[in-house]
N, C-alpha and C. Protein backbone atom coordinates (compact mmCIF):
# COMPACT_ATOMS: atom_id res chain seq x y z
N UNK A 1 6.15 -1.75 6.39
CA UNK A 1 6.82 -2.64 5.47
C UNK A 1 6.18 -2.59 4.08
N UNK A 2 4.86 -2.52 4.05
CA UNK A 2 4.18 -2.50 2.76
C UNK A 2 4.42 -1.18 2.02
N UNK A 3 4.61 -0.10 2.78
CA UNK A 3 4.95 1.15 2.11
C UNK A 3 6.32 1.03 1.44
N UNK A 4 7.20 0.23 2.01
CA UNK A 4 8.50 -0.01 1.38
C UNK A 4 8.33 -0.82 0.09
N UNK A 5 7.39 -1.77 0.10
CA UNK A 5 7.09 -2.54 -1.12
C UNK A 5 6.59 -1.61 -2.21
N UNK A 6 5.74 -0.65 -1.83
CA UNK A 6 5.21 0.28 -2.85
C UNK A 6 6.30 1.22 -3.36
N UNK A 7 7.35 1.44 -2.58
CA UNK A 7 8.48 2.22 -3.07
C UNK A 7 9.40 1.38 -3.95
N UNK A 8 9.54 0.10 -3.61
CA UNK A 8 10.37 -0.79 -4.43
C UNK A 8 9.72 -1.07 -5.78
N UNK A 9 8.41 -1.29 -5.76
CA UNK A 9 7.67 -1.63 -6.97
C UNK A 9 6.53 -0.65 -7.17
N UNK A 10 6.85 0.60 -7.56
CA UNK A 10 5.78 1.59 -7.72
C UNK A 10 4.90 1.28 -8.93
N UNK A 11 3.60 1.30 -8.70
CA UNK A 11 2.63 1.16 -9.78
C UNK A 11 2.14 2.56 -10.09
N UNK A 12 2.45 3.02 -11.30
CA UNK A 12 2.11 4.39 -11.69
C UNK A 12 1.31 4.37 -12.97
N UNK A 13 0.63 5.48 -13.22
CA UNK A 13 -0.13 5.62 -14.46
C UNK A 13 0.71 6.38 -15.47
N UNK A 14 0.67 5.92 -16.70
CA UNK A 14 1.37 6.57 -17.79
C UNK A 14 0.45 7.62 -18.37
N UNK A 15 0.80 8.91 -18.22
CA UNK A 15 -0.09 9.99 -18.66
C UNK A 15 0.31 10.56 -20.01
N UNK A 16 1.46 10.23 -20.48
CA UNK A 16 1.92 10.72 -21.78
C UNK A 16 3.15 9.95 -22.16
N UNK A 17 3.79 10.31 -23.27
CA UNK A 17 4.99 9.61 -23.68
C UNK A 17 6.07 9.74 -22.60
N UNK A 18 6.41 8.63 -22.00
CA UNK A 18 7.45 8.55 -20.97
C UNK A 18 7.18 9.42 -19.75
N UNK A 19 5.94 9.77 -19.51
CA UNK A 19 5.60 10.53 -18.31
C UNK A 19 4.74 9.66 -17.41
N UNK A 20 5.25 9.40 -16.21
CA UNK A 20 4.49 8.62 -15.25
C UNK A 20 4.03 9.52 -14.14
N UNK A 21 2.93 9.15 -13.53
CA UNK A 21 2.38 9.94 -12.44
C UNK A 21 1.87 8.99 -11.37
N UNK A 22 2.16 9.32 -10.14
CA UNK A 22 1.63 8.51 -9.04
C UNK A 22 0.13 8.64 -9.03
N UNK A 23 -0.55 7.55 -8.77
CA UNK A 23 -2.00 7.52 -8.89
C UNK A 23 -2.63 7.38 -7.52
N UNK A 24 -2.44 8.37 -6.67
CA UNK A 24 -2.93 8.29 -5.29
C UNK A 24 -4.44 8.34 -5.21
N UNK A 25 -5.08 9.10 -6.08
CA UNK A 25 -6.53 9.25 -5.99
C UNK A 25 -7.27 8.10 -6.64
N UNK A 26 -6.55 7.21 -7.29
CA UNK A 26 -7.18 6.09 -7.99
C UNK A 26 -7.72 5.09 -6.99
N UNK A 27 -9.01 4.89 -7.03
CA UNK A 27 -9.65 3.96 -6.11
C UNK A 27 -10.88 3.38 -6.76
N UNK A 28 -11.01 2.04 -6.68
CA UNK A 28 -12.20 1.43 -7.27
C UNK A 28 -13.25 1.15 -6.23
N UNK A 29 -12.85 1.04 -4.99
CA UNK A 29 -13.82 0.73 -3.94
C UNK A 29 -13.26 1.12 -2.60
N UNK A 30 -14.14 1.27 -1.66
CA UNK A 30 -13.69 1.58 -0.31
C UNK A 30 -13.61 0.30 0.50
N UNK A 31 -13.17 0.41 1.69
CA UNK A 31 -13.06 -0.75 2.56
C UNK A 31 -14.43 -1.37 2.81
N UNK A 32 -15.46 -0.59 2.75
CA UNK A 32 -16.80 -1.11 2.98
C UNK A 32 -17.41 -1.74 1.73
N UNK A 33 -16.68 -1.67 0.61
CA UNK A 33 -17.17 -2.30 -0.61
C UNK A 33 -18.03 -1.41 -1.48
N UNK A 34 -18.12 -0.12 -1.17
CA UNK A 34 -18.91 0.80 -1.99
C UNK A 34 -18.05 1.28 -3.15
N UNK A 35 -18.48 1.06 -4.38
CA UNK A 35 -17.69 1.53 -5.50
C UNK A 35 -17.68 3.05 -5.56
N UNK A 36 -16.57 3.59 -5.93
CA UNK A 36 -16.49 5.04 -6.07
C UNK A 36 -16.84 5.40 -7.51
N UNK A 37 -16.86 6.67 -7.78
CA UNK A 37 -17.27 7.13 -9.10
C UNK A 37 -16.17 6.99 -10.15
N UNK A 38 -14.96 6.72 -9.74
CA UNK A 38 -13.87 6.66 -10.72
C UNK A 38 -13.98 5.41 -11.57
N UNK A 39 -13.53 5.55 -12.83
CA UNK A 39 -13.58 4.43 -13.75
C UNK A 39 -12.24 3.71 -13.70
N UNK A 40 -12.21 2.40 -13.98
CA UNK A 40 -10.95 1.68 -14.00
C UNK A 40 -10.02 2.24 -15.05
N UNK A 41 -8.74 2.26 -14.71
CA UNK A 41 -7.73 2.74 -15.63
C UNK A 41 -7.38 1.61 -16.59
N UNK A 42 -7.12 1.95 -17.84
CA UNK A 42 -6.71 0.97 -18.82
C UNK A 42 -5.46 0.25 -18.36
N UNK A 43 -5.48 -1.09 -18.44
CA UNK A 43 -4.35 -1.89 -17.98
C UNK A 43 -3.05 -1.47 -18.65
N UNK A 44 -3.10 -1.11 -19.93
CA UNK A 44 -1.90 -0.71 -20.65
C UNK A 44 -1.33 0.61 -20.19
N UNK A 45 -2.09 1.43 -19.47
CA UNK A 45 -1.59 2.73 -19.04
C UNK A 45 -0.90 2.67 -17.69
N UNK A 46 -0.96 1.55 -17.01
CA UNK A 46 -0.28 1.39 -15.74
C UNK A 46 1.08 0.75 -15.95
N UNK A 47 2.04 1.15 -15.12
CA UNK A 47 3.37 0.57 -15.18
C UNK A 47 3.80 0.14 -13.78
N UNK A 48 4.69 -0.83 -13.72
CA UNK A 48 5.32 -1.21 -12.46
C UNK A 48 6.81 -1.06 -12.67
N UNK A 49 7.40 -0.22 -11.88
CA UNK A 49 8.82 0.11 -11.98
C UNK A 49 9.19 0.53 -13.40
N UNK A 50 8.25 1.26 -14.03
CA UNK A 50 8.48 1.79 -15.37
C UNK A 50 8.18 0.84 -16.51
N UNK A 51 7.73 -0.38 -16.22
CA UNK A 51 7.45 -1.36 -17.27
C UNK A 51 5.95 -1.56 -17.43
N UNK A 52 5.48 -1.53 -18.69
CA UNK A 52 4.09 -1.87 -18.97
C UNK A 52 3.93 -3.38 -18.88
N UNK A 53 2.77 -3.80 -18.44
CA UNK A 53 2.44 -5.22 -18.46
C UNK A 53 1.48 -5.42 -19.62
N UNK A 54 2.01 -5.86 -20.73
CA UNK A 54 1.21 -6.08 -21.92
C UNK A 54 0.79 -7.53 -21.95
N UNK A 55 -0.51 -7.78 -21.84
CA UNK A 55 -1.02 -9.15 -21.82
C UNK A 55 -1.35 -9.66 -23.21
N UNK A 56 -1.27 -8.82 -24.23
CA UNK A 56 -1.59 -9.24 -25.59
C UNK A 56 -0.72 -10.41 -26.06
N UNK A 57 0.60 -10.40 -25.84
CA UNK A 57 1.39 -11.55 -26.28
C UNK A 57 0.96 -12.86 -25.62
N UNK A 58 0.35 -12.79 -24.44
CA UNK A 58 -0.06 -14.00 -23.74
C UNK A 58 -1.26 -14.65 -24.42
N UNK A 59 -1.98 -13.88 -25.22
CA UNK A 59 -3.14 -14.45 -25.90
C UNK A 59 -2.91 -14.63 -27.39
N UNK A 60 -2.02 -13.83 -27.98
CA UNK A 60 -1.80 -13.89 -29.42
C UNK A 60 -0.31 -13.95 -29.74
N UNK A 61 0.36 -14.96 -29.27
CA UNK A 61 1.78 -15.12 -29.54
C UNK A 61 1.97 -15.66 -30.95
N UNK A 62 2.88 -15.06 -31.68
CA UNK A 62 3.19 -15.55 -33.02
C UNK A 62 4.68 -15.41 -33.24
N UNK A 63 5.12 -15.85 -34.40
CA UNK A 63 6.53 -15.75 -34.74
C UNK A 63 6.99 -14.30 -34.80
N UNK A 64 6.07 -13.40 -35.11
CA UNK A 64 6.42 -12.00 -35.29
C UNK A 64 6.21 -11.14 -34.03
N UNK A 65 5.87 -11.77 -32.92
CA UNK A 65 5.69 -11.03 -31.67
C UNK A 65 7.03 -10.45 -31.23
N UNK A 66 7.00 -9.21 -30.79
CA UNK A 66 8.20 -8.51 -30.34
C UNK A 66 8.79 -9.21 -29.11
N UNK A 67 9.99 -9.73 -29.25
CA UNK A 67 10.62 -10.49 -28.16
C UNK A 67 10.96 -9.59 -26.97
N UNK A 68 11.29 -8.34 -27.23
CA UNK A 68 11.58 -7.41 -26.13
C UNK A 68 10.32 -7.12 -25.32
N UNK A 69 9.19 -7.02 -26.00
CA UNK A 69 7.92 -6.79 -25.31
C UNK A 69 7.58 -8.00 -24.44
N UNK A 70 7.83 -9.20 -24.94
CA UNK A 70 7.60 -10.42 -24.18
C UNK A 70 8.48 -10.43 -22.93
N UNK A 71 9.75 -10.05 -23.08
CA UNK A 71 10.68 -10.02 -21.95
C UNK A 71 10.28 -8.95 -20.92
N UNK A 72 9.85 -7.78 -21.40
CA UNK A 72 9.41 -6.73 -20.48
C UNK A 72 8.18 -7.18 -19.69
N UNK A 73 7.26 -7.86 -20.35
CA UNK A 73 6.07 -8.38 -19.65
C UNK A 73 6.46 -9.41 -18.61
N UNK A 74 7.40 -10.28 -18.94
CA UNK A 74 7.87 -11.29 -17.98
C UNK A 74 8.54 -10.63 -16.78
N UNK A 75 9.31 -9.58 -17.03
CA UNK A 75 9.96 -8.85 -15.94
C UNK A 75 8.92 -8.17 -15.06
N UNK A 76 7.93 -7.54 -15.70
CA UNK A 76 6.86 -6.88 -14.93
C UNK A 76 6.10 -7.90 -14.10
N UNK A 77 5.81 -9.07 -14.65
CA UNK A 77 5.13 -10.12 -13.89
C UNK A 77 5.98 -10.62 -12.74
N UNK A 78 7.30 -10.68 -12.94
CA UNK A 78 8.20 -11.04 -11.84
C UNK A 78 8.15 -10.03 -10.72
N UNK A 79 8.08 -8.75 -11.07
CA UNK A 79 7.95 -7.70 -10.05
C UNK A 79 6.63 -7.84 -9.30
N UNK A 80 5.54 -8.06 -10.04
CA UNK A 80 4.23 -8.22 -9.41
C UNK A 80 4.25 -9.42 -8.48
N UNK A 81 4.81 -10.54 -8.94
CA UNK A 81 4.87 -11.75 -8.12
C UNK A 81 5.64 -11.51 -6.84
N UNK A 82 6.76 -10.82 -6.92
CA UNK A 82 7.56 -10.55 -5.72
C UNK A 82 6.80 -9.63 -4.77
N UNK A 83 6.17 -8.60 -5.31
CA UNK A 83 5.39 -7.68 -4.46
C UNK A 83 4.24 -8.42 -3.77
N UNK A 84 3.53 -9.27 -4.51
CA UNK A 84 2.42 -10.03 -3.93
C UNK A 84 2.94 -10.97 -2.83
N UNK A 85 4.05 -11.61 -3.09
CA UNK A 85 4.64 -12.52 -2.10
C UNK A 85 5.02 -11.77 -0.82
N UNK A 86 5.62 -10.61 -0.96
CA UNK A 86 6.00 -9.81 0.21
C UNK A 86 4.77 -9.34 0.99
N UNK A 87 3.78 -8.82 0.28
CA UNK A 87 2.57 -8.32 0.93
C UNK A 87 1.86 -9.44 1.68
N UNK A 88 1.76 -10.60 1.04
CA UNK A 88 1.09 -11.75 1.68
C UNK A 88 1.84 -12.16 2.95
N UNK A 89 3.15 -12.16 2.91
CA UNK A 89 3.90 -12.54 4.11
C UNK A 89 3.75 -11.50 5.21
N UNK A 90 3.70 -10.21 4.87
CA UNK A 90 3.55 -9.17 5.88
C UNK A 90 2.15 -9.20 6.50
N UNK A 91 1.15 -9.54 5.68
CA UNK A 91 -0.22 -9.63 6.19
C UNK A 91 -0.50 -10.99 6.82
N UNK A 92 0.45 -11.91 6.71
CA UNK A 92 0.34 -13.28 7.22
C UNK A 92 -0.86 -14.00 6.61
N UNK A 93 -0.98 -13.87 5.29
CA UNK A 93 -2.04 -14.54 4.53
C UNK A 93 -1.37 -15.57 3.62
N UNK A 94 -1.62 -16.87 3.85
CA UNK A 94 -1.06 -17.87 2.93
C UNK A 94 -1.76 -17.78 1.58
N UNK A 95 -0.97 -17.68 0.53
CA UNK A 95 -1.55 -17.54 -0.81
C UNK A 95 -2.15 -18.85 -1.28
N UNK A 96 -3.29 -18.77 -1.90
CA UNK A 96 -3.98 -19.94 -2.45
C UNK A 96 -3.14 -20.58 -3.55
N UNK A 97 -2.47 -19.76 -4.33
CA UNK A 97 -1.60 -20.24 -5.41
C UNK A 97 -0.18 -19.77 -5.11
N UNK A 98 0.63 -20.63 -4.48
CA UNK A 98 1.98 -20.23 -4.07
C UNK A 98 2.86 -19.88 -5.27
N UNK A 99 3.78 -18.97 -5.01
CA UNK A 99 4.68 -18.49 -6.05
C UNK A 99 6.08 -19.08 -5.86
N UNK A 100 6.74 -19.34 -6.97
CA UNK A 100 8.16 -19.69 -6.95
C UNK A 100 8.86 -18.56 -7.68
N UNK A 101 9.51 -17.71 -6.90
CA UNK A 101 10.09 -16.49 -7.45
C UNK A 101 11.39 -16.78 -8.18
N UNK A 102 11.54 -16.11 -9.31
CA UNK A 102 12.75 -16.23 -10.09
C UNK A 102 12.91 -15.05 -11.03
N UNK A 103 12.52 -13.88 -10.55
CA UNK A 103 12.59 -12.68 -11.38
C UNK A 103 11.68 -12.81 -12.59
N UNK A 104 12.26 -12.64 -13.78
CA UNK A 104 11.45 -12.74 -15.00
C UNK A 104 11.18 -14.18 -15.40
N UNK A 105 11.59 -15.12 -14.58
CA UNK A 105 11.31 -16.55 -14.79
C UNK A 105 10.62 -17.14 -13.56
N UNK A 106 9.62 -16.43 -13.08
CA UNK A 106 8.86 -16.87 -11.91
C UNK A 106 7.75 -17.84 -12.33
N UNK A 107 7.31 -18.64 -11.38
CA UNK A 107 6.25 -19.61 -11.62
C UNK A 107 5.19 -19.47 -10.53
N UNK A 108 3.99 -19.94 -10.84
CA UNK A 108 2.92 -19.99 -9.86
C UNK A 108 2.39 -21.42 -9.84
N UNK A 109 2.03 -21.90 -8.66
CA UNK A 109 1.60 -23.28 -8.48
C UNK A 109 0.10 -23.37 -8.26
N UNK A 110 -0.47 -24.42 -8.80
CA UNK A 110 -1.89 -24.68 -8.63
C UNK A 110 -2.05 -26.10 -8.12
N UNK A 111 -2.63 -26.24 -6.93
CA UNK A 111 -2.84 -27.56 -6.34
C UNK A 111 -4.01 -28.28 -6.99
N UNK A 112 -5.07 -27.58 -7.28
CA UNK A 112 -6.33 -28.19 -7.70
C UNK A 112 -6.28 -28.76 -9.12
N UNK A 113 -5.43 -28.24 -9.96
CA UNK A 113 -5.49 -28.65 -11.36
C UNK A 113 -4.96 -30.06 -11.60
N UNK A 114 -4.30 -30.66 -10.62
CA UNK A 114 -3.73 -31.97 -10.87
C UNK A 114 -4.18 -33.03 -9.88
N UNK A 115 -5.35 -32.86 -9.27
CA UNK A 115 -5.88 -33.89 -8.39
C UNK A 115 -6.36 -35.04 -9.27
N UNK A 116 -5.92 -36.24 -8.95
CA UNK A 116 -6.26 -37.42 -9.75
C UNK A 116 -7.61 -37.96 -9.30
N UNK A 117 -8.66 -37.87 -10.13
CA UNK A 117 -9.98 -38.34 -9.72
C UNK A 117 -10.10 -39.87 -9.74
N UNK A 118 -9.11 -40.59 -10.27
CA UNK A 118 -9.18 -42.04 -10.37
C UNK A 118 -9.09 -42.72 -9.01
N UNK A 119 -8.62 -42.03 -8.01
CA UNK A 119 -8.43 -42.63 -6.69
C UNK A 119 -9.61 -42.36 -5.78
N UNK A 120 -10.81 -42.45 -6.28
CA UNK A 120 -11.98 -42.11 -5.49
C UNK A 120 -12.34 -43.18 -4.46
N UNK A 121 -11.68 -44.36 -4.50
CA UNK A 121 -11.98 -45.40 -3.53
C UNK A 121 -11.33 -45.13 -2.18
N UNK A 122 -10.39 -44.22 -2.10
CA UNK A 122 -9.75 -43.87 -0.84
C UNK A 122 -10.57 -42.81 -0.12
N UNK A 123 -10.29 -42.65 1.14
CA UNK A 123 -10.99 -41.59 1.87
C UNK A 123 -10.57 -40.23 1.33
N UNK A 124 -11.36 -39.21 1.60
CA UNK A 124 -11.10 -37.87 1.06
C UNK A 124 -9.76 -37.33 1.55
N UNK A 125 -9.47 -37.49 2.85
CA UNK A 125 -8.21 -36.97 3.38
C UNK A 125 -7.01 -37.67 2.75
N UNK A 126 -7.07 -38.97 2.60
CA UNK A 126 -5.97 -39.71 2.01
C UNK A 126 -5.79 -39.33 0.55
N UNK A 127 -6.90 -39.16 -0.15
CA UNK A 127 -6.83 -38.78 -1.56
C UNK A 127 -6.18 -37.42 -1.72
N UNK A 128 -6.58 -36.47 -0.91
CA UNK A 128 -6.02 -35.13 -1.03
C UNK A 128 -4.54 -35.10 -0.70
N UNK A 129 -4.14 -35.80 0.34
CA UNK A 129 -2.73 -35.75 0.73
C UNK A 129 -1.85 -36.57 -0.20
N UNK A 130 -2.38 -37.66 -0.78
CA UNK A 130 -1.55 -38.52 -1.60
C UNK A 130 -1.51 -38.10 -3.07
N UNK A 131 -2.58 -37.55 -3.60
CA UNK A 131 -2.67 -37.32 -5.03
C UNK A 131 -2.59 -35.87 -5.46
N UNK A 132 -2.50 -34.95 -4.53
CA UNK A 132 -2.38 -33.55 -4.92
C UNK A 132 -0.93 -33.28 -5.31
N UNK A 133 -0.77 -32.90 -6.55
CA UNK A 133 0.55 -32.57 -7.05
C UNK A 133 0.51 -31.11 -7.48
N UNK A 134 1.61 -30.44 -7.28
CA UNK A 134 1.67 -29.06 -7.72
C UNK A 134 1.84 -29.02 -9.23
N UNK A 135 1.00 -28.26 -9.87
CA UNK A 135 1.17 -27.98 -11.29
C UNK A 135 1.75 -26.58 -11.37
N UNK A 136 2.92 -26.47 -11.98
CA UNK A 136 3.59 -25.18 -12.07
C UNK A 136 3.28 -24.53 -13.42
N UNK A 137 2.97 -23.25 -13.35
CA UNK A 137 2.65 -22.49 -14.56
C UNK A 137 3.60 -21.31 -14.65
N UNK A 138 4.18 -21.06 -15.83
CA UNK A 138 5.18 -20.00 -16.00
C UNK A 138 4.55 -18.62 -16.10
N UNK A 139 5.15 -17.66 -15.44
CA UNK A 139 4.73 -16.26 -15.56
C UNK A 139 5.57 -15.55 -16.63
N UNK A 140 5.89 -16.29 -17.68
CA UNK A 140 6.64 -15.76 -18.81
C UNK A 140 6.29 -16.60 -20.02
N UNK A 141 6.56 -16.07 -21.20
CA UNK A 141 6.19 -16.75 -22.44
C UNK A 141 7.32 -17.46 -23.14
N UNK A 142 8.52 -16.96 -23.01
CA UNK A 142 9.64 -17.47 -23.79
C UNK A 142 9.80 -18.98 -23.63
N UNK A 143 9.58 -19.71 -24.70
CA UNK A 143 9.71 -21.15 -24.70
C UNK A 143 8.57 -21.88 -24.00
N UNK A 144 7.45 -21.21 -23.77
CA UNK A 144 6.33 -21.79 -23.04
C UNK A 144 5.07 -21.80 -23.89
N UNK A 145 4.13 -22.63 -23.49
CA UNK A 145 2.81 -22.67 -24.10
C UNK A 145 2.05 -21.41 -23.66
N UNK A 146 1.45 -20.70 -24.61
CA UNK A 146 0.77 -19.45 -24.27
C UNK A 146 -0.42 -19.68 -23.36
N UNK A 147 -1.09 -20.82 -23.48
CA UNK A 147 -2.24 -21.11 -22.63
C UNK A 147 -1.81 -21.25 -21.18
N UNK A 148 -0.70 -21.95 -20.95
CA UNK A 148 -0.19 -22.13 -19.58
C UNK A 148 0.26 -20.80 -18.98
N UNK A 149 0.90 -19.97 -19.80
CA UNK A 149 1.36 -18.66 -19.33
C UNK A 149 0.18 -17.74 -19.02
N UNK A 150 -0.84 -17.76 -19.87
CA UNK A 150 -2.03 -16.94 -19.62
C UNK A 150 -2.75 -17.40 -18.36
N UNK A 151 -2.78 -18.72 -18.12
CA UNK A 151 -3.39 -19.24 -16.91
C UNK A 151 -2.59 -18.82 -15.68
N UNK A 152 -1.27 -18.76 -15.81
CA UNK A 152 -0.42 -18.30 -14.71
C UNK A 152 -0.74 -16.86 -14.33
N UNK A 153 -0.95 -16.00 -15.32
CA UNK A 153 -1.31 -14.61 -15.06
C UNK A 153 -2.67 -14.55 -14.37
N UNK A 154 -3.60 -15.39 -14.80
CA UNK A 154 -4.92 -15.48 -14.17
C UNK A 154 -4.78 -15.87 -12.70
N UNK A 155 -3.94 -16.88 -12.41
CA UNK A 155 -3.75 -17.31 -11.02
C UNK A 155 -3.08 -16.23 -10.17
N UNK A 156 -2.13 -15.50 -10.76
CA UNK A 156 -1.48 -14.40 -10.04
C UNK A 156 -2.52 -13.35 -9.66
N UNK A 157 -3.40 -13.03 -10.59
CA UNK A 157 -4.45 -12.07 -10.28
C UNK A 157 -5.39 -12.61 -9.21
N UNK A 158 -5.63 -13.92 -9.19
CA UNK A 158 -6.45 -14.53 -8.14
C UNK A 158 -5.79 -14.38 -6.77
N UNK A 159 -4.47 -14.47 -6.71
CA UNK A 159 -3.76 -14.22 -5.45
C UNK A 159 -3.94 -12.78 -5.00
N UNK A 160 -3.87 -11.85 -5.94
CA UNK A 160 -4.09 -10.44 -5.61
C UNK A 160 -5.52 -10.24 -5.13
N UNK A 161 -6.47 -10.87 -5.81
CA UNK A 161 -7.87 -10.78 -5.39
C UNK A 161 -8.06 -11.36 -3.99
N UNK A 162 -7.36 -12.45 -3.68
CA UNK A 162 -7.44 -13.04 -2.34
C UNK A 162 -6.99 -12.03 -1.29
N UNK A 163 -5.91 -11.32 -1.55
CA UNK A 163 -5.43 -10.31 -0.62
C UNK A 163 -6.40 -9.13 -0.52
N UNK A 164 -6.97 -8.74 -1.66
CA UNK A 164 -7.97 -7.67 -1.63
C UNK A 164 -9.19 -8.09 -0.81
N UNK A 165 -9.64 -9.32 -0.98
CA UNK A 165 -10.77 -9.82 -0.20
C UNK A 165 -10.44 -9.85 1.29
N UNK A 166 -9.21 -10.21 1.62
CA UNK A 166 -8.77 -10.20 3.01
C UNK A 166 -8.88 -8.79 3.59
N UNK A 167 -8.63 -7.78 2.76
CA UNK A 167 -8.71 -6.39 3.18
C UNK A 167 -10.15 -5.87 3.17
N UNK A 168 -11.07 -6.61 2.57
CA UNK A 168 -12.45 -6.17 2.47
C UNK A 168 -12.69 -5.25 1.29
N UNK A 169 -11.87 -5.38 0.25
CA UNK A 169 -11.95 -4.52 -0.93
C UNK A 169 -12.27 -5.39 -2.14
N UNK A 170 -13.10 -4.88 -3.03
CA UNK A 170 -13.44 -5.62 -4.24
C UNK A 170 -12.36 -5.47 -5.30
N UNK A 171 -12.22 -6.52 -6.08
CA UNK A 171 -11.27 -6.54 -7.19
C UNK A 171 -11.85 -5.79 -8.38
N UNK A 172 -10.97 -5.34 -9.26
CA UNK A 172 -11.40 -4.68 -10.49
C UNK A 172 -11.71 -5.68 -11.59
N UNK A 173 -11.40 -6.94 -11.37
CA UNK A 173 -11.68 -7.97 -12.37
C UNK A 173 -10.44 -8.74 -12.74
N UNK A 174 -10.62 -9.81 -13.51
CA UNK A 174 -9.51 -10.72 -13.80
C UNK A 174 -8.48 -10.20 -14.79
N UNK A 175 -8.76 -9.15 -15.50
CA UNK A 175 -7.81 -8.65 -16.50
C UNK A 175 -7.04 -7.41 -16.03
N UNK A 176 -7.09 -7.10 -14.77
CA UNK A 176 -6.48 -5.87 -14.27
C UNK A 176 -5.44 -6.16 -13.19
N UNK A 177 -4.37 -6.82 -13.57
CA UNK A 177 -3.35 -7.24 -12.61
C UNK A 177 -2.72 -6.02 -11.92
N UNK A 178 -2.23 -5.06 -12.70
CA UNK A 178 -1.57 -3.90 -12.10
C UNK A 178 -2.55 -3.00 -11.37
N UNK A 179 -3.75 -2.84 -11.90
CA UNK A 179 -4.75 -2.02 -11.22
C UNK A 179 -5.15 -2.65 -9.89
N UNK A 180 -5.29 -3.97 -9.86
CA UNK A 180 -5.60 -4.65 -8.60
C UNK A 180 -4.45 -4.53 -7.61
N UNK A 181 -3.22 -4.64 -8.09
CA UNK A 181 -2.06 -4.47 -7.20
C UNK A 181 -2.01 -3.05 -6.65
N UNK A 182 -2.28 -2.07 -7.50
CA UNK A 182 -2.29 -0.67 -7.06
C UNK A 182 -3.36 -0.46 -5.99
N UNK A 183 -4.53 -1.05 -6.21
CA UNK A 183 -5.62 -0.93 -5.24
C UNK A 183 -5.25 -1.62 -3.92
N UNK A 184 -4.58 -2.75 -4.00
CA UNK A 184 -4.14 -3.45 -2.80
C UNK A 184 -3.14 -2.61 -2.02
N UNK A 185 -2.16 -2.04 -2.70
CA UNK A 185 -1.18 -1.20 -2.03
C UNK A 185 -1.84 0.03 -1.40
N UNK A 186 -2.78 0.64 -2.12
CA UNK A 186 -3.47 1.82 -1.60
C UNK A 186 -4.31 1.44 -0.37
N UNK A 187 -5.01 0.33 -0.45
CA UNK A 187 -5.91 -0.07 0.64
C UNK A 187 -5.16 -0.42 1.91
N UNK A 188 -4.06 -1.14 1.77
CA UNK A 188 -3.35 -1.59 2.96
C UNK A 188 -2.61 -0.42 3.63
N UNK A 189 -2.35 0.65 2.89
CA UNK A 189 -1.71 1.82 3.47
C UNK A 189 -2.71 2.89 3.87
N UNK A 190 -3.99 2.65 3.65
CA UNK A 190 -5.02 3.64 3.97
C UNK A 190 -5.19 3.77 5.48
N UNK A 191 -5.65 4.92 5.90
CA UNK A 191 -5.86 5.15 7.33
C UNK A 191 -6.99 4.26 7.86
N UNK A 192 -7.97 3.92 6.99
CA UNK A 192 -9.05 3.02 7.41
C UNK A 192 -8.50 1.68 7.89
N UNK A 193 -7.54 1.13 7.13
CA UNK A 193 -6.98 -0.17 7.49
C UNK A 193 -5.99 -0.06 8.65
N UNK A 194 -5.18 0.97 8.64
CA UNK A 194 -4.15 1.13 9.67
C UNK A 194 -4.79 1.35 11.04
N UNK A 195 -5.93 2.06 11.07
CA UNK A 195 -6.59 2.34 12.34
C UNK A 195 -7.32 1.14 12.93
N UNK A 196 -7.58 0.11 12.12
CA UNK A 196 -8.31 -1.06 12.64
C UNK A 196 -7.39 -2.09 13.24
């Protein structure tokens, strides 16, 4: 099933103008956690279904930011969110930050960011069940606060890291959403994982 996800949402490296190449040999770590000699690929050189995920607008949005670039990034994040959701369900791993899928208008939820500390007189169980509210963060910029959107991308990467940790593989870091997804797809389809 996960090989079908990698066919639906291929993460490829951009090697030249409009030339993509499958990145089968790209690996940051093995199942045992030993880093390989390869260096991380630049986030801008990876594509998902032919779209670059440009995170620059998420940090420096202005009136002059290219609206098409913002839309392409939102679409790419929607693809990543759907792929992560499918992989998590196939591996039967509940995501720490649940996703609400909506294509290029997807959201990610954070339980911890809205716990009300004012209710400390109640027991811990009652406090958690009564005061935990989902805070939704947009995986797109259009009409949104850039800080909330950037935090949403951070949480999405944390979900990918959670799946990588489940596989016993180290993440490439918080700024490598597509590289981490590529590593997750490679790891879960590896003979090391399939044989266990």
